[in-house]
Structures are given as C-alpha cells and as structure tokens.
Amino acid sequence: MAEDRQKAAPGWRNVRVMDLELDGKVAVVTGGSRGIGLATTRTLLAEGARVVAASRRPGPELERLAGPDLLHVAADLMDPAAPAAVLAAAVRHFGGVDVLVNNVGGPPPGATLPRFSFMAADDADWQAMFELNLFSAVRTVRAAVPCLLERGGGAVVNVSTGSARAPGAMNADYAAAKAGLTVLTKALSEEYAPQGIRVNTVSPGPVRTPWWTDDGGAADVLAAAFGSDRDSVLTTVAPEAMRLSTGRMVDPQEVADVIVLLASPRSASTTGADFAVDAGFLKQT
C-alpha cells in the first residue's frame, strides 16, 4: 500500500514515503464526520486502515469517503450505551479493533461556547460537558480494551485541548472535563502499556473546525463580544488574543497527522505522552 501511494505521487521516484504500518488495521474514530475527526478518518483511510467513524450523522464530506474500508455508525456518544454499541459494530463488520481515537467533544448539543464566566454554566451544563468530553471517552475505552487485548494490543489516542493545561477565564467546564481526559490518559498508559496498549493525548489549540465556523459558533460569539466580524475573528482577533506564535489557527489536518502517527506501530515506544498541536498556544507552560 505504501509503495502504491508512493507511485501515485507525481515524481514518485524521487520521493520517500514512511510506511505507518496501518494497512489492514481497524480504527474507531468518534466524532468522525467533521473537523479533526473527519481529517483523521480520511488520513487513516489513505494509510490503508479500515475505519469505523461514529457520529450522530454522517455528513456530506464523510459520505464522499464511502467505500468498503469505511463504516459509519450513527451514535450519540452521550448515551451511556452508545460506546459499547460502536465497538460491537466494529468487531462485527471488520473482525476486531486495533486503534481507538476518542475525538468527540466540544460544546454539547444546545450549548454555545465560549462562556465568558464560571457563573454562566449551571449543574446541567457541567454534567452535559462532562458526559460528552470525559465520560464518553471513559466508556469507549472500557468497551475497546477487551477488543485491543484480543488483537495483542493497539493504540488509543485521546483528543484533549491546550486549555486543559492552560485554562483561562472562559469555558471552565470544558477545560475541567478535558483536564480529566488528559489525566485519564496517563493512568491508562501506566496500566495497559505492559499489555501492549499505548495511550496518548493530542492537545490542540484553536482549530478551524465547525465549532468555530458554524453559524452561531465561537467566531460569531466572539465577533459580537469584541465588536468585530467572524472573518476577522478567525484570521486576526483570535490568533492575537491567544498569542498564537504562528499567527493563525490550526488546520484540522495538522492535528490528524499527529493522531495517525501516534496510532501507528511506528510509535511503539510512545505512551503516556501529551502532544500539543496548538500554533504555540502552550509555549508559556
């Protein structure tokens, strides 16, 4: 597969391709239909993996990737029964699981972020935030571990956030839930590394995903707060306010590339680590 991809590239005789050894591996990606999850699904497929993308709806971009190596499972990961159902579907369809990417997260349905104050979120808001951003991952890992052990091990990549390590005044509930996910990752890596399961975290900074770009999303909320417009927020206001070293928000593909490398057997000695893909957001921590 790697050789085929190499030959398909223009001027392939002068190009060297790293084989990530993912041919035939089965990966489950939660939140796999948009943003980072979609980019991860697309990249895993390009590397020869078979992918189960779980999300409420497939969406047109995921549907364009349709083929024998892609299965979409319609699932609300806030439903406690959904993670086990997703893993069971992966085993039925592809015979097992080698990789789990816990990517689903962000604002729960009906919530609008950013929230500018701790007092803006009540108990129900906190509970919903933790259900989506922490407990969904807890349940999905719980369902995946037996599958991974049956294959002799594998990889889990949890998508956290730079705000888990450098929280600010906004979105305290989101930062707290993701901080829990980051700590969970390290605990899991300690327990399961001897059994062949590697567990790592990728912590993005602000990524140009639908969370920001959808109508009524973060860009619109910040534009209203700062007396600006959504395009200026995306290109200038947010990067400057967050002191991003690169001067721009992160592209979803840049996060997906790191996720897929960590999912690869080429990262066999990497576990319990937290990788910042954040345009320099965490440089001060």
Protein backbone atom coordinates (compact mmCIF):
# COMPACT_ATOMS: atom_id res chain seq x y z
CA MET A 1 0.00 0.00 0.00
CA ALA A 2 2.73 2.48 0.88
CA GLU A 3 4.51 1.69 -2.40
CA ASP A 4 1.25 2.17 -4.31
CA ARG A 5 0.72 5.57 -2.69
CA GLN A 6 4.32 6.47 -3.45
CA LYS A 7 3.97 5.54 -7.12
CA ALA A 8 0.73 7.52 -7.36
CA ALA A 9 2.53 10.72 -6.33
CA PRO A 10 3.98 12.97 -9.05
CA GLY A 11 7.71 12.38 -9.34
CA TRP A 12 7.43 9.39 -7.01
CA ARG A 13 10.87 8.05 -7.93
CA ASN A 14 12.39 10.96 -6.01
CA VAL A 15 10.04 10.73 -3.02
CA ARG A 16 10.46 8.59 0.09
CA VAL A 17 7.31 7.60 1.96
CA MET A 18 7.22 6.47 5.57
CA ASP A 19 5.05 3.36 5.85
CA LEU A 20 3.00 3.83 9.02
CA GLU A 21 2.21 0.10 9.05
CA LEU A 22 -1.52 0.73 9.25
CA ASP A 23 -2.53 -1.41 6.27
CA GLY A 24 -5.49 -3.53 7.30
CA LYS A 25 -5.65 -2.14 10.83
CA VAL A 26 -9.11 -1.35 12.17
CA ALA A 27 -9.59 2.08 13.73
CA VAL A 28 -12.60 3.52 15.54
CA VAL A 29 -12.87 7.32 15.39
CA THR A 30 -15.52 9.04 17.48
CA GLY A 31 -16.83 12.32 16.17
CA GLY A 32 -15.55 11.12 12.82
CA SER A 33 -17.76 13.11 10.45
CA ARG A 34 -16.46 16.67 10.87
CA GLY A 35 -13.40 18.69 11.82
CA ILE A 36 -10.49 16.82 13.36
CA GLY A 37 -12.39 13.52 13.30
CA LEU A 38 -13.12 13.78 9.59
CA ALA A 39 -9.48 14.65 8.83
CA THR A 40 -8.37 11.69 10.97
CA THR A 41 -10.77 9.32 9.23
CA ARG A 42 -9.59 10.49 5.82
CA THR A 43 -5.92 10.12 6.77
CA LEU A 44 -6.34 6.66 8.26
CA LEU A 45 -8.10 5.51 5.09
CA ALA A 46 -5.28 6.94 2.99
CA GLU A 47 -2.82 4.93 5.10
CA GLY A 48 -4.65 1.69 4.35
CA ALA A 49 -6.64 1.35 7.58
CA ARG A 50 -10.25 0.30 7.82
CA VAL A 51 -12.22 2.90 9.75
CA VAL A 52 -15.37 2.98 11.83
CA ALA A 53 -16.48 6.61 12.10
CA ALA A 54 -19.04 7.22 14.84
CA SER A 55 -21.16 10.35 14.89
CA ARG A 56 -24.78 11.40 15.14
CA ARG A 57 -24.97 11.91 11.36
CA PRO A 58 -22.51 11.07 8.58
CA GLY A 59 -22.45 14.44 6.83
CA PRO A 60 -21.67 15.02 3.14
CA GLU A 61 -17.88 15.07 3.48
CA LEU A 62 -17.79 11.69 5.21
CA GLU A 63 -20.24 10.29 2.67
CA ARG A 64 -17.80 11.22 -0.10
CA LEU A 65 -15.27 8.85 1.50
CA ALA A 66 -17.68 5.92 1.29
CA GLY A 67 -16.15 2.57 0.36
CA PRO A 68 -15.51 -0.93 1.65
CA ASP A 69 -12.97 0.29 4.22
CA LEU A 70 -15.30 2.81 5.88
CA LEU A 71 -18.25 2.12 8.15
CA HIS A 72 -20.31 4.92 9.64
CA VAL A 73 -22.13 4.12 12.87
CA ALA A 74 -24.84 6.58 13.87
CA ALA A 75 -24.37 7.12 17.59
CA ASP A 76 -24.87 9.75 20.26
CA LEU A 77 -21.78 9.24 22.40
CA MET A 78 -23.53 10.94 25.34
CA ASP A 79 -25.77 7.87 25.53
CA PRO A 80 -24.09 5.52 28.01
CA ALA A 81 -24.92 2.52 25.81
CA ALA A 82 -23.51 4.02 22.60
CA PRO A 83 -19.76 3.37 23.05
CA ALA A 84 -20.22 -0.38 23.52
CA ALA A 85 -22.55 -0.46 20.50
CA VAL A 86 -19.96 1.29 18.33
CA LEU A 87 -17.20 -1.14 19.31
CA ALA A 88 -19.52 -4.10 18.77
CA ALA A 89 -20.33 -2.82 15.29
CA ALA A 90 -16.61 -2.52 14.50
CA VAL A 91 -15.97 -6.10 15.58
CA ARG A 92 -18.96 -7.42 13.60
CA HIS A 93 -18.05 -5.54 10.44
CA PHE A 94 -14.25 -5.72 10.40
CA GLY A 95 -13.45 -8.56 12.83
CA GLY A 96 -11.70 -6.59 15.55
CA VAL A 97 -10.23 -3.26 16.64
CA ASP A 98 -6.60 -2.09 16.67
CA VAL A 99 -6.93 1.67 17.21
CA LEU A 100 -9.31 3.91 19.12
CA VAL A 101 -9.38 7.67 18.59
CA ASN A 102 -11.53 9.43 21.18
CA ASN A 103 -12.12 12.64 19.28
CA VAL A 104 -15.74 13.51 20.04
CA GLY A 105 -16.01 16.63 22.15
CA GLY A 106 -16.65 20.34 22.26
CA PRO A 107 -19.95 22.00 23.08
CA PRO A 108 -22.73 19.53 23.93
CA PRO A 109 -25.91 19.81 21.85
CA GLY A 110 -27.70 23.05 22.63
CA ALA A 111 -24.65 24.69 24.25
CA THR A 112 -22.90 27.71 22.80
CA LEU A 113 -19.24 28.38 23.58
CA PRO A 114 -17.35 30.36 24.63
CA ARG A 115 -18.89 31.05 28.00
CA PHE A 116 -17.29 34.13 29.48
CA SER A 117 -17.81 33.39 33.18
CA PHE A 118 -17.83 30.50 35.62
CA MET A 119 -21.31 31.63 36.70
CA ALA A 120 -22.69 31.18 33.17
CA ALA A 121 -22.89 27.37 33.50
CA ASP A 122 -25.24 25.57 35.88
CA ASP A 123 -25.12 21.97 37.08
CA ALA A 124 -26.88 20.67 33.97
CA ASP A 125 -24.34 22.46 31.76
CA TRP A 126 -21.45 20.91 33.68
CA GLN A 127 -22.99 17.46 33.57
CA ALA A 128 -23.54 17.66 29.81
CA MET A 129 -20.00 18.92 29.26
CA PHE A 130 -18.50 16.03 31.23
CA GLU A 131 -20.76 13.48 29.55
CA LEU A 132 -19.53 14.47 26.11
CA ASN A 133 -15.90 15.33 26.81
CA LEU A 134 -14.92 12.85 29.51
CA PHE A 135 -17.45 10.12 30.22
CA SER A 136 -17.90 9.25 26.54
CA ALA A 137 -14.17 8.53 26.38
CA VAL A 138 -14.24 6.56 29.64
CA ARG A 139 -16.99 4.32 28.28
CA THR A 140 -15.43 3.95 24.85
CA VAL A 141 -12.07 2.92 26.31
CA ARG A 142 -13.84 0.48 28.61
CA ALA A 143 -15.51 -1.11 25.58
CA ALA A 144 -12.34 -1.04 23.48
CA VAL A 145 -9.81 -2.55 25.90
CA PRO A 146 -11.01 -6.17 25.54
CA CYS A 147 -11.02 -5.77 21.74
CA LEU A 148 -7.49 -4.36 21.71
CA LEU A 149 -6.20 -7.07 24.05
CA GLU A 150 -7.72 -9.75 21.83
CA ARG A 151 -5.55 -8.42 18.96
CA GLY A 152 -2.43 -8.41 21.14
CA GLY A 153 -2.54 -4.69 21.89
CA GLY A 154 -3.03 -1.48 19.97
CA ALA A 155 -3.28 2.26 20.38
CA VAL A 156 -5.65 4.74 22.00
CA VAL A 157 -5.40 8.43 21.16
CA ASN A 158 -7.48 10.84 23.21
CA VAL A 159 -8.08 14.34 21.86
CA SER A 160 -7.88 16.85 24.70
CA THR A 161 -7.11 20.59 24.49
CA GLY A 162 -4.41 23.06 25.39
CA SER A 163 -6.94 24.63 27.76
CA ALA A 164 -6.63 21.55 29.96
CA ARG A 165 -3.07 22.65 30.75
CA ALA A 166 -3.52 26.42 30.50
CA PRO A 167 -7.12 27.19 31.48
CA GLY A 168 -8.39 30.74 31.34
CA ALA A 169 -11.48 32.61 32.48
CA MET A 170 -13.62 31.23 29.66
CA ASN A 171 -15.08 27.72 29.37
CA ALA A 172 -14.10 26.46 32.82
CA ASP A 173 -16.35 23.41 32.46
CA TYR A 174 -14.80 22.41 29.14
CA ALA A 175 -11.24 22.85 30.41
CA ALA A 176 -12.00 20.81 33.55
CA ALA A 177 -13.54 17.94 31.56
CA LYS A 178 -10.58 17.81 29.19
CA ALA A 179 -8.11 18.02 32.07
CA GLY A 180 -9.76 14.89 33.39
CA LEU A 181 -9.26 13.24 30.00
CA THR A 182 -5.57 14.16 30.00
CA VAL A 183 -5.08 12.66 33.45
CA LEU A 184 -7.09 9.57 32.48
CA THR A 185 -4.76 9.06 29.51
CA LYS A 186 -1.70 8.90 31.75
CA ALA A 187 -3.40 6.49 34.15
CA LEU A 188 -4.46 4.20 31.30
CA SER A 189 -0.99 4.27 29.79
CA GLU A 190 0.52 3.13 33.08
CA GLU A 191 -1.88 0.23 33.47
CA TYR A 192 -2.01 -1.07 29.92
CA ALA A 193 1.44 -0.49 28.44
CA PRO A 194 2.67 -3.88 29.77
CA GLN A 195 -0.24 -5.48 27.90
CA GLY A 196 0.62 -3.83 24.60
CA ILE A 197 -1.85 -0.93 24.59
CA ARG A 198 -0.34 2.52 24.12
CA VAL A 199 -2.40 5.52 25.25
CA ASN A 200 -1.52 9.10 24.34
CA THR A 201 -3.15 12.51 24.22
CA VAL A 202 -3.17 15.13 21.48
CA SER A 203 -3.95 18.61 22.78
CA PRO A 204 -4.93 21.04 20.02
CA GLY A 205 -5.09 24.78 20.35
CA PRO A 206 -7.80 26.68 18.48
CA VAL A 207 -8.60 24.61 15.38
CA ARG A 208 -10.57 25.93 12.43
CA THR A 209 -13.42 23.45 12.81
CA PRO A 210 -17.23 23.81 12.64
CA TRP A 211 -17.17 24.62 16.39
CA TRP A 212 -15.66 27.96 15.29
CA THR A 213 -17.03 28.38 11.79
CA ASP A 214 -20.68 27.26 12.02
CA ASP A 215 -23.33 29.97 12.12
CA GLY A 216 -23.67 30.96 15.76
CA GLY A 217 -20.36 29.28 16.60
CA ALA A 218 -17.39 30.62 18.51
CA ALA A 219 -16.36 33.05 15.78
CA ASP A 220 -19.80 34.70 15.80
CA VAL A 221 -19.93 34.81 19.60
CA LEU A 222 -16.51 36.44 19.83
CA ALA A 223 -17.28 38.82 16.98
CA ALA A 224 -20.31 40.09 18.89
CA ALA A 225 -18.31 40.39 22.12
CA PHE A 226 -15.41 42.28 20.52
CA GLY A 227 -17.39 44.37 18.07
CA SER A 228 -15.73 42.63 15.13
CA ASP A 229 -16.79 40.27 12.35
CA ARG A 230 -16.42 36.50 12.07
CA ASP A 231 -13.74 36.57 9.35
CA SER A 232 -11.59 38.95 11.38
CA VAL A 233 -12.01 36.76 14.46
CA LEU A 234 -10.84 33.69 12.56
CA THR A 235 -7.89 35.35 10.86
CA THR A 236 -6.73 38.01 13.30
CA VAL A 237 -8.63 38.57 16.55
CA ALA A 238 -8.48 35.02 17.94
CA PRO A 239 -4.85 34.34 16.96
CA GLU A 240 -3.76 37.63 18.52
CA ALA A 241 -5.85 37.22 21.68
CA MET A 242 -4.46 33.71 22.21
CA ARG A 243 -0.93 34.80 21.32
CA LEU A 244 -0.50 32.09 18.72
CA SER A 245 3.11 32.01 17.59
CA THR A 246 2.22 31.07 14.04
CA GLY A 247 -0.28 33.90 13.75
CA ARG A 248 -3.07 31.58 12.59
CA MET A 249 -5.45 28.95 13.84
CA VAL A 250 -4.60 25.27 13.48
CA ASP A 251 -5.83 23.31 10.46
CA PRO A 252 -7.67 20.06 11.34
CA GLN A 253 -5.30 18.08 9.10
CA GLU A 254 -2.33 19.18 11.20
CA VAL A 255 -3.93 17.58 14.25
CA ALA A 256 -4.97 14.48 12.33
CA ASP A 257 -1.41 13.89 11.15
CA VAL A 258 -0.18 13.65 14.75
CA ILE A 259 -3.10 11.44 15.77
CA VAL A 260 -2.39 8.99 12.97
CA LEU A 261 1.33 8.87 13.74
CA LEU A 262 0.52 8.03 17.37
CA ALA A 263 -1.92 5.36 16.18
CA SER A 264 0.82 3.80 14.08
CA PRO A 265 3.04 0.93 15.23
CA ARG A 266 5.92 3.24 14.24
CA SER A 267 5.21 4.99 17.58
CA ALA A 268 5.68 1.76 19.51
CA SER A 269 7.61 3.35 22.40
CA THR A 270 5.39 6.41 22.77
CA THR A 271 2.82 6.14 25.56
CA GLY A 272 1.55 8.37 28.33
CA ALA A 273 2.55 11.46 26.35
CA ASP A 274 0.63 14.64 25.60
CA PHE A 275 1.34 16.26 22.23
CA ALA A 276 0.48 19.94 21.74
CA VAL A 277 -0.63 20.85 18.21
CA ASP A 278 -1.56 24.38 19.08
CA ALA A 279 0.22 27.04 16.98
CA GLY A 280 2.33 27.91 20.02
CA PHE A 281 -0.56 28.43 22.46
CA LEU A 282 1.16 26.46 25.25
CA LYS A 283 4.63 27.93 24.82
CA GLN A 284 4.38 29.65 28.20
CA THR A 285 3.58 26.46 30.17
